[in-house]
Amino acid sequence: MRSRGFTLLELTAVLTILGLLVATGVHAYGLHLRSAEVG
């Protein structure tokens, strides 16, 4: 099961980091749209 070199813990960590990055990006994008509407 180690043919790909990924353990379940590493995969979970990567997914968590990606999730945080996506959430941060969506939040920043929402703030940008809101400020654009106000301006």
Foldseek 3Di string as FASTA:
>chain_A
DCPVVDDPVNVVVVVVVVVVVVVVVVVVVVVVVVVVVVD
